[in-house]
Amino acid sequence: KNGEFFKARPSFRAEFQCRSWFGKQLRGLCDITALHGYSQIVRDG
């Protein structure tokens, strides 16, 4: 009722966090890199 997690599967949590971090880093790289076309893939709008 306080919104705190009970004990869950730690492997899935680590995998989810890794994917989330990798996606964040990849988006940031595509946004600032000089490689042709990558910034267009993640451009807002």
ModelCIF file with pLDDT and N, C-alpha, C, O atoms, coordinates in Angstrom:
data_MODEL
#
_entry.id   MODEL 
#
_entity.id                         1 
_entity.type                       polymer 
_entity.pdbx_number_of_molecules   1 
#
_entity_poly.entity_id                      1 
_entity_poly.type                           'polypeptide(L)' 
_entity_poly.nstd_linkage                   no 
_entity_poly.nstd_monomer                   no 
_entity_poly.pdbx_seq_one_letter_code       KNGEFFKARPSFRAEFQCRSWFGKQLRGLCDITALHGYSQIVRDG 
_entity_poly.pdbx_seq_one_letter_code_can   KNGEFFKARPSFRAEFQCRSWFGKQLRGLCDITALHGYSQIVRDG 
_entity_poly.pdbx_strand_id                 A 
#
loop_
_entity_poly_seq.entity_id 
_entity_poly_seq.num 
_entity_poly_seq.mon_id 
_entity_poly_seq.hetero 
1 1  LYS n 
1 2  ASN n 
1 3  GLY n 
1 4  GLU n 
1 5  PHE n 
1 6  PHE n 
1 7  LYS n 
1 8  ALA n 
1 9  ARG n 
1 10 PRO n 
1 11 SER n 
1 12 PHE n 
1 13 ARG n 
1 14 ALA n 
1 15 GLU n 
1 16 PHE n 
1 17 GLN n 
1 18 CYS n 
1 19 ARG n 
1 20 SER n 
1 21 TRP n 
1 22 PHE n 
1 23 GLY n 
1 24 LYS n 
1 25 GLN n 
1 26 LEU n 
1 27 ARG n 
1 28 GLY n 
1 29 LEU n 
1 30 CYS n 
1 31 ASP n 
1 32 ILE n 
1 33 THR n 
1 34 ALA n 
1 35 LEU n 
1 36 HIS n 
1 37 GLY n 
1 38 TYR n 
1 39 SER n 
1 40 GLN n 
1 41 ILE n 
1 42 VAL n 
1 43 ARG n 
1 44 ASP n 
1 45 GLY n 
#
_struct_asym.id          A 
_struct_asym.entity_id   1 
#
loop_
_ma_qa_metric.id 
_ma_qa_metric.mode 
_ma_qa_metric.name 
_ma_qa_metric.software_group_id 
_ma_qa_metric.type 
1 global pLDDT . pLDDT 
2 local  pLDDT . pLDDT 
#
_ma_qa_metric_global.metric_id      1 
_ma_qa_metric_global.metric_value   64.64 
_ma_qa_metric_global.model_id       1 
_ma_qa_metric_global.ordinal_id     1 
#
loop_
_ma_qa_metric_local.label_asym_id 
_ma_qa_metric_local.label_comp_id 
_ma_qa_metric_local.label_seq_id 
_ma_qa_metric_local.metric_id 
_ma_qa_metric_local.metric_value 
_ma_qa_metric_local.model_id 
_ma_qa_metric_local.ordinal_id 
A LYS 1  2 41.00 1 1  
A ASN 2  2 42.00 1 2  
A GLY 3  2 43.00 1 3  
A GLU 4  2 45.00 1 4  
A PHE 5  2 42.00 1 5  
A PHE 6  2 38.00 1 6  
A LYS 7  2 46.00 1 7  
A ALA 8  2 46.00 1 8  
A ARG 9  2 53.00 1 9  
A PRO 10 2 56.00 1 10 
A SER 11 2 59.00 1 11 
A PHE 12 2 52.00 1 12 
A ARG 13 2 58.00 1 13 
A ALA 14 2 58.00 1 14 
A GLU 15 2 59.00 1 15 
A PHE 16 2 56.00 1 16 
A GLN 17 2 62.00 1 17 
A CYS 18 2 66.00 1 18 
A ARG 19 2 66.00 1 19 
A SER 20 2 70.00 1 20 
A TRP 21 2 64.00 1 21 
A PHE 22 2 67.00 1 22 
A GLY 23 2 71.00 1 23 
A LYS 24 2 71.00 1 24 
A GLN 25 2 70.00 1 25 
A LEU 26 2 73.00 1 26 
A ARG 27 2 75.00 1 27 
A GLY 28 2 73.00 1 28 
A LEU 29 2 73.00 1 29 
A CYS 30 2 77.00 1 30 
A ASP 31 2 73.00 1 31 
A ILE 32 2 71.00 1 32 
A THR 33 2 75.00 1 33 
A ALA 34 2 71.00 1 34 
A LEU 35 2 78.00 1 35 
A HIS 36 2 78.00 1 36 
A GLY 37 2 77.00 1 37 
A TYR 38 2 76.00 1 38 
A SER 39 2 77.00 1 39 
A GLN 40 2 77.00 1 40 
A ILE 41 2 76.00 1 41 
A VAL 42 2 78.00 1 42 
A ARG 43 2 77.00 1 43 
A ASP 44 2 77.00 1 44 
A GLY 45 2 76.00 1 45 
#
loop_
_atom_site.group_PDB 
_atom_site.id 
_atom_site.type_symbol 
_atom_site.label_atom_id 
_atom_site.label_alt_id 
_atom_site.label_comp_id 
_atom_site.label_asym_id 
_atom_site.label_entity_id 
_atom_site.label_seq_id 
_atom_site.pdbx_PDB_ins_code 
_atom_site.Cartn_x 
_atom_site.Cartn_y 
_atom_site.Cartn_z 
_atom_site.occupancy 
_atom_site.B_iso_or_equiv 
_atom_site.pdbx_formal_charge 
_atom_site.auth_seq_id 
_atom_site.auth_comp_id 
_atom_site.auth_asym_id 
_atom_site.auth_atom_id 
_atom_site.pdbx_PDB_model_num 
ATOM 1   N N  . LYS A 1 1  ? 0.818  -1.203  0.000   1.00 41.00 ? 1  LYS A N  1 
ATOM 2   C CA . LYS A 1 1  ? 0.000  0.000   0.000   1.00 41.00 ? 1  LYS A CA 1 
ATOM 3   C C  . LYS A 1 1  ? 0.850  1.251   0.000   1.00 41.00 ? 1  LYS A C  1 
ATOM 4   O O  . LYS A 1 1  ? 0.347  2.312   -0.368  1.00 41.00 ? 1  LYS A O  1 
ATOM 5   N N  . ASN A 1 2  ? 2.121  1.185   0.396   1.00 42.00 ? 2  ASN A N  1 
ATOM 6   C CA . ASN A 1 2  ? 3.009  2.342   0.370   1.00 42.00 ? 2  ASN A CA 1 
ATOM 7   C C  . ASN A 1 2  ? 3.723  2.488   -0.979  1.00 42.00 ? 2  ASN A C  1 
ATOM 8   O O  . ASN A 1 2  ? 4.502  3.421   -1.169  1.00 42.00 ? 2  ASN A O  1 
ATOM 9   N N  . GLY A 1 3  ? 3.450  1.541   -1.942  1.00 43.00 ? 3  GLY A N  1 
ATOM 10  C CA . GLY A 1 3  ? 4.074  1.610   -3.277  1.00 43.00 ? 3  GLY A CA 1 
ATOM 11  C C  . GLY A 1 3  ? 5.465  1.042   -3.324  1.00 43.00 ? 3  GLY A C  1 
ATOM 12  O O  . GLY A 1 3  ? 6.162  1.278   -4.311  1.00 43.00 ? 3  GLY A O  1 
ATOM 13  N N  . GLU A 1 4  ? 5.920  0.312   -2.334  1.00 45.00 ? 4  GLU A N  1 
ATOM 14  C CA . GLU A 1 4  ? 7.256  -0.276  -2.324  1.00 45.00 ? 4  GLU A CA 1 
ATOM 15  C C  . GLU A 1 4  ? 7.200  -1.680  -2.920  1.00 45.00 ? 4  GLU A C  1 
ATOM 16  O O  . GLU A 1 4  ? 6.207  -2.394  -2.783  1.00 45.00 ? 4  GLU A O  1 
ATOM 17  N N  . PHE A 1 5  ? 8.264  -2.046  -3.566  1.00 42.00 ? 5  PHE A N  1 
ATOM 18  C CA . PHE A 1 5  ? 8.349  -3.369  -4.206  1.00 42.00 ? 5  PHE A CA 1 
ATOM 19  C C  . PHE A 1 5  ? 8.639  -4.441  -3.175  1.00 42.00 ? 5  PHE A C  1 
ATOM 20  O O  . PHE A 1 5  ? 9.469  -4.273  -2.281  1.00 42.00 ? 5  PHE A O  1 
ATOM 21  N N  . PHE A 1 6  ? 7.908  -5.582  -3.332  1.00 38.00 ? 6  PHE A N  1 
ATOM 22  C CA . PHE A 1 6  ? 8.333  -6.766  -2.621  1.00 38.00 ? 6  PHE A CA 1 
ATOM 23  C C  . PHE A 1 6  ? 9.482  -7.403  -3.404  1.00 38.00 ? 6  PHE A C  1 
ATOM 24  O O  . PHE A 1 6  ? 9.938  -6.895  -4.428  1.00 38.00 ? 6  PHE A O  1 
ATOM 25  N N  . LYS A 1 7  ? 9.904  -8.495  -2.888  1.00 46.00 ? 7  LYS A N  1 
ATOM 26  C CA . LYS A 1 7  ? 11.031 -9.198  -3.538  1.00 46.00 ? 7  LYS A CA 1 
ATOM 27  C C  . LYS A 1 7  ? 10.593 -9.718  -4.894  1.00 46.00 ? 7  LYS A C  1 
ATOM 28  O O  . LYS A 1 7  ? 9.573  -10.402 -4.975  1.00 46.00 ? 7  LYS A O  1 
ATOM 29  N N  . ALA A 1 8  ? 11.342 -9.414  -5.992  1.00 46.00 ? 8  ALA A N  1 
ATOM 30  C CA . ALA A 1 8  ? 11.024 -9.864  -7.348  1.00 46.00 ? 8  ALA A CA 1 
ATOM 31  C C  . ALA A 1 8  ? 12.257 -10.558 -7.937  1.00 46.00 ? 8  ALA A C  1 
ATOM 32  O O  . ALA A 1 8  ? 13.266 -10.747 -7.257  1.00 46.00 ? 8  ALA A O  1 
ATOM 33  N N  . ARG A 1 9  ? 12.150 -10.940 -9.243  1.00 53.00 ? 9  ARG A N  1 
ATOM 34  C CA . ARG A 1 9  ? 13.264 -11.646 -9.889  1.00 53.00 ? 9  ARG A CA 1 
ATOM 35  C C  . ARG A 1 9  ? 14.388 -10.664 -10.201 1.00 53.00 ? 9  ARG A C  1 
ATOM 36  O O  . ARG A 1 9  ? 14.171 -9.770  -11.019 1.00 53.00 ? 9  ARG A O  1 
ATOM 37  N N  . PRO A 1 10 ? 15.579 -10.771 -9.602  1.00 56.00 ? 10 PRO A N  1 
ATOM 38  C CA . PRO A 1 10 ? 16.647 -9.787  -9.806  1.00 56.00 ? 10 PRO A CA 1 
ATOM 39  C C  . PRO A 1 10 ? 17.234 -9.844  -11.215 1.00 56.00 ? 10 PRO A C  1 
ATOM 40  O O  . PRO A 1 10 ? 17.685 -8.810  -11.709 1.00 56.00 ? 10 PRO A O  1 
ATOM 41  N N  . SER A 1 11 ? 17.255 -11.012 -11.897 1.00 59.00 ? 11 SER A N  1 
ATOM 42  C CA . SER A 1 11 ? 17.828 -11.100 -13.241 1.00 59.00 ? 11 SER A CA 1 
ATOM 43  C C  . SER A 1 11 ? 17.042 -10.269 -14.233 1.00 59.00 ? 11 SER A C  1 
ATOM 44  O O  . SER A 1 11 ? 17.629 -9.589  -15.075 1.00 59.00 ? 11 SER A O  1 
ATOM 45  N N  . PHE A 1 12 ? 15.732 -10.313 -14.147 1.00 52.00 ? 12 PHE A N  1 
ATOM 46  C CA . PHE A 1 12 ? 14.920 -9.526  -15.071 1.00 52.00 ? 12 PHE A CA 1 
ATOM 47  C C  . PHE A 1 12 ? 15.106 -8.031  -14.809 1.00 52.00 ? 12 PHE A C  1 
ATOM 48  O O  . PHE A 1 12 ? 15.178 -7.231  -15.742 1.00 52.00 ? 12 PHE A O  1 
ATOM 49  N N  . ARG A 1 13 ? 15.183 -7.669  -13.537 1.00 58.00 ? 13 ARG A N  1 
ATOM 50  C CA . ARG A 1 13 ? 15.358 -6.256  -13.219 1.00 58.00 ? 13 ARG A CA 1 
ATOM 51  C C  . ARG A 1 13 ? 16.683 -5.739  -13.775 1.00 58.00 ? 13 ARG A C  1 
ATOM 52  O O  . ARG A 1 13 ? 16.743 -4.634  -14.312 1.00 58.00 ? 13 ARG A O  1 
ATOM 53  N N  . ALA A 1 14 ? 17.755 -6.545  -13.644 1.00 58.00 ? 14 ALA A N  1 
ATOM 54  C CA . ALA A 1 14 ? 19.064 -6.134  -14.177 1.00 58.00 ? 14 ALA A CA 1 
ATOM 55  C C  . ALA A 1 14 ? 19.016 -6.019  -15.693 1.00 58.00 ? 14 ALA A C  1 
ATOM 56  O O  . ALA A 1 14 ? 19.578 -5.092  -16.275 1.00 58.00 ? 14 ALA A O  1 
ATOM 57  N N  . GLU A 1 15 ? 18.330 -6.985  -16.334 1.00 59.00 ? 15 GLU A N  1 
ATOM 58  C CA . GLU A 1 15 ? 18.230 -6.944  -17.804 1.00 59.00 ? 15 GLU A CA 1 
ATOM 59  C C  . GLU A 1 15 ? 17.447 -5.728  -18.260 1.00 59.00 ? 15 GLU A C  1 
ATOM 60  O O  . GLU A 1 15 ? 17.803 -5.068  -19.236 1.00 59.00 ? 15 GLU A O  1 
ATOM 61  N N  . PHE A 1 16 ? 16.366 -5.443  -17.531 1.00 56.00 ? 16 PHE A N  1 
ATOM 62  C CA . PHE A 1 16 ? 15.536 -4.286  -17.901 1.00 56.00 ? 16 PHE A CA 1 
ATOM 63  C C  . PHE A 1 16 ? 16.313 -2.988  -17.735 1.00 56.00 ? 16 PHE A C  1 
ATOM 64  O O  . PHE A 1 16 ? 16.221 -2.092  -18.575 1.00 56.00 ? 16 PHE A O  1 
ATOM 65  N N  . GLN A 1 17 ? 17.062 -2.889  -16.675 1.00 62.00 ? 17 GLN A N  1 
ATOM 66  C CA . GLN A 1 17 ? 17.849 -1.683  -16.446 1.00 62.00 ? 17 GLN A CA 1 
ATOM 67  C C  . GLN A 1 17 ? 18.962 -1.548  -17.485 1.00 62.00 ? 17 GLN A C  1 
ATOM 68  O O  . GLN A 1 17 ? 19.270 -0.441  -17.925 1.00 62.00 ? 17 GLN A O  1 
ATOM 69  N N  . CYS A 1 18 ? 19.563 -2.673  -17.876 1.00 66.00 ? 18 CYS A N  1 
ATOM 70  C CA . CYS A 1 18 ? 20.638 -2.646  -18.893 1.00 66.00 ? 18 CYS A CA 1 
ATOM 71  C C  . CYS A 1 18 ? 20.098 -2.185  -20.235 1.00 66.00 ? 18 CYS A C  1 
ATOM 72  O O  . CYS A 1 18 ? 20.714 -1.373  -20.925 1.00 66.00 ? 18 CYS A O  1 
ATOM 73  N N  . ARG A 1 19 ? 18.915 -2.725  -20.599 1.00 66.00 ? 19 ARG A N  1 
ATOM 74  C CA . ARG A 1 19 ? 18.324 -2.306  -21.874 1.00 66.00 ? 19 ARG A CA 1 
ATOM 75  C C  . ARG A 1 19 ? 17.950 -0.836  -21.840 1.00 66.00 ? 19 ARG A C  1 
ATOM 76  O O  . ARG A 1 19 ? 18.160 -0.106  -22.809 1.00 66.00 ? 19 ARG A O  1 
ATOM 77  N N  . SER A 1 20 ? 17.409 -0.423  -20.749 1.00 70.00 ? 20 SER A N  1 
ATOM 78  C CA . SER A 1 20 ? 17.018 0.973   -20.633 1.00 70.00 ? 20 SER A CA 1 
ATOM 79  C C  . SER A 1 20 ? 18.232 1.890   -20.745 1.00 70.00 ? 20 SER A C  1 
ATOM 80  O O  . SER A 1 20 ? 18.186 2.931   -21.400 1.00 70.00 ? 20 SER A O  1 
ATOM 81  N N  . TRP A 1 21 ? 19.333 1.475   -20.084 1.00 64.00 ? 21 TRP A N  1 
ATOM 82  C CA . TRP A 1 21 ? 20.547 2.296   -20.149 1.00 64.00 ? 21 TRP A CA 1 
ATOM 83  C C  . TRP A 1 21 ? 21.143 2.289   -21.555 1.00 64.00 ? 21 TRP A C  1 
ATOM 84  O O  . TRP A 1 21 ? 21.566 3.330   -22.058 1.00 64.00 ? 21 TRP A O  1 
ATOM 85  N N  . PHE A 1 22 ? 21.175 1.108   -22.193 1.00 67.00 ? 22 PHE A N  1 
ATOM 86  C CA . PHE A 1 22 ? 21.732 1.009   -23.549 1.00 67.00 ? 22 PHE A CA 1 
ATOM 87  C C  . PHE A 1 22 ? 20.923 1.851   -24.538 1.00 67.00 ? 22 PHE A C  1 
ATOM 88  O O  . PHE A 1 22 ? 21.488 2.557   -25.372 1.00 67.00 ? 22 PHE A O  1 
ATOM 89  N N  . GLY A 1 23 ? 19.581 1.767   -24.433 1.00 71.00 ? 23 GLY A N  1 
ATOM 90  C CA . GLY A 1 23 ? 18.745 2.571   -25.325 1.00 71.00 ? 23 GLY A CA 1 
ATOM 91  C C  . GLY A 1 23 ? 18.960 4.061   -25.120 1.00 71.00 ? 23 GLY A C  1 
ATOM 92  O O  . GLY A 1 23 ? 18.978 4.835   -26.077 1.00 71.00 ? 23 GLY A O  1 
ATOM 93  N N  . LYS A 1 24 ? 19.122 4.454   -23.867 1.00 71.00 ? 24 LYS A N  1 
ATOM 94  C CA . LYS A 1 24 ? 19.360 5.865   -23.577 1.00 71.00 ? 24 LYS A CA 1 
ATOM 95  C C  . LYS A 1 24 ? 20.689 6.323   -24.170 1.00 71.00 ? 24 LYS A C  1 
ATOM 96  O O  . LYS A 1 24 ? 20.766 7.395   -24.770 1.00 71.00 ? 24 LYS A O  1 
ATOM 97  N N  . GLN A 1 25 ? 21.741 5.507   -24.002 1.00 70.00 ? 25 GLN A N  1 
ATOM 98  C CA . GLN A 1 25 ? 23.053 5.874   -24.525 1.00 70.00 ? 25 GLN A CA 1 
ATOM 99  C C  . GLN A 1 25 ? 23.051 5.895   -26.058 1.00 70.00 ? 25 GLN A C  1 
ATOM 100 O O  . GLN A 1 25 ? 23.641 6.783   -26.673 1.00 70.00 ? 25 GLN A O  1 
ATOM 101 N N  . LEU A 1 26 ? 22.379 4.902   -26.672 1.00 73.00 ? 26 LEU A N  1 
ATOM 102 C CA . LEU A 1 26 ? 22.319 4.845   -28.133 1.00 73.00 ? 26 LEU A CA 1 
ATOM 103 C C  . LEU A 1 26 ? 21.586 6.045   -28.700 1.00 73.00 ? 26 LEU A C  1 
ATOM 104 O O  . LEU A 1 26 ? 22.001 6.608   -29.714 1.00 73.00 ? 26 LEU A O  1 
ATOM 105 N N  . ARG A 1 27 ? 20.503 6.440   -28.055 1.00 75.00 ? 27 ARG A N  1 
ATOM 106 C CA . ARG A 1 27 ? 19.749 7.616   -28.523 1.00 75.00 ? 27 ARG A CA 1 
ATOM 107 C C  . ARG A 1 27 ? 20.599 8.881   -28.397 1.00 75.00 ? 27 ARG A C  1 
ATOM 108 O O  . ARG A 1 27 ? 20.619 9.729   -29.289 1.00 75.00 ? 27 ARG A O  1 
ATOM 109 N N  . GLY A 1 28 ? 21.304 8.985   -27.260 1.00 73.00 ? 28 GLY A N  1 
ATOM 110 C CA . GLY A 1 28 ? 22.166 10.145  -27.085 1.00 73.00 ? 28 GLY A CA 1 
ATOM 111 C C  . GLY A 1 28 ? 23.276 10.191  -28.117 1.00 73.00 ? 28 GLY A C  1 
ATOM 112 O O  . GLY A 1 28 ? 23.607 11.261  -28.628 1.00 73.00 ? 28 GLY A O  1 
ATOM 113 N N  . LEU A 1 29 ? 23.865 9.012   -28.432 1.00 73.00 ? 29 LEU A N  1 
ATOM 114 C CA . LEU A 1 29 ? 24.918 8.956   -29.453 1.00 73.00 ? 29 LEU A CA 1 
ATOM 115 C C  . LEU A 1 29 ? 24.380 9.350   -30.813 1.00 73.00 ? 29 LEU A C  1 
ATOM 116 O O  . LEU A 1 29 ? 25.002 10.139  -31.524 1.00 73.00 ? 29 LEU A O  1 
ATOM 117 N N  . CYS A 1 30 ? 23.215 8.801   -31.187 1.00 77.00 ? 30 CYS A N  1 
ATOM 118 C CA . CYS A 1 30 ? 22.627 9.130   -32.490 1.00 77.00 ? 30 CYS A CA 1 
ATOM 119 C C  . CYS A 1 30 ? 22.292 10.615  -32.583 1.00 77.00 ? 30 CYS A C  1 
ATOM 120 O O  . CYS A 1 30 ? 22.325 11.200  -33.666 1.00 77.00 ? 30 CYS A O  1 
ATOM 121 N N  . ASP A 1 31 ? 21.977 11.204  -31.470 1.00 73.00 ? 31 ASP A N  1 
ATOM 122 C CA . ASP A 1 31 ? 21.555 12.605  -31.482 1.00 73.00 ? 31 ASP A CA 1 
ATOM 123 C C  . ASP A 1 31 ? 22.727 13.556  -31.709 1.00 73.00 ? 31 ASP A C  1 
ATOM 124 O O  . ASP A 1 31 ? 22.556 14.614  -32.314 1.00 73.00 ? 31 ASP A O  1 
ATOM 125 N N  . ILE A 1 32 ? 23.910 13.189  -31.230 1.00 71.00 ? 32 ILE A N  1 
ATOM 126 C CA . ILE A 1 32 ? 25.032 14.136  -31.326 1.00 71.00 ? 32 ILE A CA 1 
ATOM 127 C C  . ILE A 1 32 ? 26.117 13.705  -32.314 1.00 71.00 ? 32 ILE A C  1 
ATOM 128 O O  . ILE A 1 32 ? 26.992 14.510  -32.631 1.00 71.00 ? 32 ILE A O  1 
ATOM 129 N N  . THR A 1 33 ? 26.091 12.438  -32.824 1.00 75.00 ? 33 THR A N  1 
ATOM 130 C CA . THR A 1 33 ? 27.171 11.946  -33.669 1.00 75.00 ? 33 THR A CA 1 
ATOM 131 C C  . THR A 1 33 ? 27.160 12.607  -35.041 1.00 75.00 ? 33 THR A C  1 
ATOM 132 O O  . THR A 1 33 ? 26.130 13.074  -35.527 1.00 75.00 ? 33 THR A O  1 
ATOM 133 N N  . ALA A 1 34 ? 28.350 12.629  -35.651 1.00 71.00 ? 34 ALA A N  1 
ATOM 134 C CA . ALA A 1 34 ? 28.490 13.183  -36.996 1.00 71.00 ? 34 ALA A CA 1 
ATOM 135 C C  . ALA A 1 34 ? 28.231 12.146  -38.082 1.00 71.00 ? 34 ALA A C  1 
ATOM 136 O O  . ALA A 1 34 ? 28.305 12.472  -39.267 1.00 71.00 ? 34 ALA A O  1 
ATOM 137 N N  . LEU A 1 35 ? 27.930 10.910  -37.706 1.00 78.00 ? 35 LEU A N  1 
ATOM 138 C CA . LEU A 1 35 ? 27.604 9.881   -38.705 1.00 78.00 ? 35 LEU A CA 1 
ATOM 139 C C  . LEU A 1 35 ? 26.358 10.290  -39.472 1.00 78.00 ? 35 LEU A C  1 
ATOM 140 O O  . LEU A 1 35 ? 25.373 10.742  -38.888 1.00 78.00 ? 35 LEU A O  1 
ATOM 141 N N  . HIS A 1 36 ? 26.415 10.128  -40.786 1.00 78.00 ? 36 HIS A N  1 
ATOM 142 C CA . HIS A 1 36 ? 25.326 10.599  -41.639 1.00 78.00 ? 36 HIS A CA 1 
ATOM 143 C C  . HIS A 1 36 ? 24.032 9.844   -41.352 1.00 78.00 ? 36 HIS A C  1 
ATOM 144 O O  . HIS A 1 36 ? 24.025 8.613   -41.337 1.00 78.00 ? 36 HIS A O  1 
ATOM 145 N N  . GLY A 1 37 ? 22.924 10.578  -41.122 1.00 77.00 ? 37 GLY A N  1 
ATOM 146 C CA . GLY A 1 37 ? 21.591 9.999   -41.036 1.00 77.00 ? 37 GLY A CA 1 
ATOM 147 C C  . GLY A 1 37 ? 21.164 9.535   -39.671 1.00 77.00 ? 37 GLY A C  1 
ATOM 148 O O  . GLY A 1 37 ? 19.967 9.361   -39.445 1.00 77.00 ? 37 GLY A O  1 
ATOM 149 N N  . TYR A 1 38 ? 22.089 9.322   -38.738 1.00 76.00 ? 38 TYR A N  1 
ATOM 150 C CA . TYR A 1 38 ? 21.694 8.787   -37.433 1.00 76.00 ? 38 TYR A CA 1 
ATOM 151 C C  . TYR A 1 38 ? 20.870 9.796   -36.614 1.00 76.00 ? 38 TYR A C  1 
ATOM 152 O O  . TYR A 1 38 ? 19.944 9.414   -35.898 1.00 76.00 ? 38 TYR A O  1 
ATOM 153 N N  . SER A 1 39 ? 21.212 11.064  -36.727 1.00 77.00 ? 39 SER A N  1 
ATOM 154 C CA . SER A 1 39 ? 20.444 12.072  -35.980 1.00 77.00 ? 39 SER A CA 1 
ATOM 155 C C  . SER A 1 39 ? 19.016 12.202  -36.506 1.00 77.00 ? 39 SER A C  1 
ATOM 156 O O  . SER A 1 39 ? 18.118 12.610  -35.769 1.00 77.00 ? 39 SER A O  1 
ATOM 157 N N  . GLN A 1 40 ? 18.801 11.855  -37.786 1.00 77.00 ? 40 GLN A N  1 
ATOM 158 C CA . GLN A 1 40 ? 17.459 11.944  -38.361 1.00 77.00 ? 40 GLN A CA 1 
ATOM 159 C C  . GLN A 1 40 ? 16.552 10.840  -37.812 1.00 77.00 ? 40 GLN A C  1 
ATOM 160 O O  . GLN A 1 40 ? 15.333 11.007  -37.757 1.00 77.00 ? 40 GLN A O  1 
ATOM 161 N N  . ILE A 1 41 ? 17.141 9.719   -37.409 1.00 76.00 ? 41 ILE A N  1 
ATOM 162 C CA . ILE A 1 41 ? 16.333 8.597   -36.908 1.00 76.00 ? 41 ILE A CA 1 
ATOM 163 C C  . ILE A 1 41 ? 15.695 8.953   -35.567 1.00 76.00 ? 41 ILE A C  1 
ATOM 164 O O  . ILE A 1 41 ? 14.569 8.535   -35.299 1.00 76.00 ? 41 ILE A O  1 
ATOM 165 N N  . VAL A 1 42 ? 16.382 9.709   -34.726 1.00 78.00 ? 42 VAL A N  1 
ATOM 166 C CA . VAL A 1 42 ? 15.888 10.005  -33.367 1.00 78.00 ? 42 VAL A CA 1 
ATOM 167 C C  . VAL A 1 42 ? 15.399 11.445  -33.228 1.00 78.00 ? 42 VAL A C  1 
ATOM 168 O O  . VAL A 1 42 ? 15.086 11.880  -32.120 1.00 78.00 ? 42 VAL A O  1 
ATOM 169 N N  . ARG A 1 43 ? 15.327 12.189  -34.326 1.00 77.00 ? 43 ARG A N  1 
ATOM 170 C CA . ARG A 1 43 ? 14.920 13.600  -34.244 1.00 77.00 ? 43 ARG A CA 1 
ATOM 171 C C  . ARG A 1 43 ? 13.458 13.696  -33.823 1.00 77.00 ? 43 ARG A C  1 
ATOM 172 O O  . ARG A 1 43 ? 12.603 12.971  -34.331 1.00 77.00 ? 43 ARG A O  1 
ATOM 173 N N  . ASP A 1 44 ? 13.189 14.596  -32.895 1.00 77.00 ? 44 ASP A N  1 
ATOM 174 C CA . ASP A 1 44 ? 11.816 14.826  -32.435 1.00 77.00 ? 44 ASP A CA 1 
ATOM 175 C C  . ASP A 1 44 ? 10.988 15.472  -33.537 1.00 77.00 ? 44 ASP A C  1 
ATOM 176 O O  . ASP A 1 44 ? 11.498 16.256  -34.338 1.00 77.00 ? 44 ASP A O  1 
ATOM 177 N N  . GLY A 1 45 ? 9.697  15.127  -33.563 1.00 76.00 ? 45 GLY A N  1 
ATOM 178 C CA . GLY A 1 45 ? 8.789  15.713  -34.546 1.00 76.00 ? 45 GLY A CA 1 
ATOM 179 C C  . GLY A 1 45 ? 8.659  14.910  -35.820 1.00 76.00 ? 45 GLY A C  1 
ATOM 180 O O  . GLY A 1 45 ? 7.921  15.302  -36.724 1.00 76.00 ? 45 GLY A O  1 
#
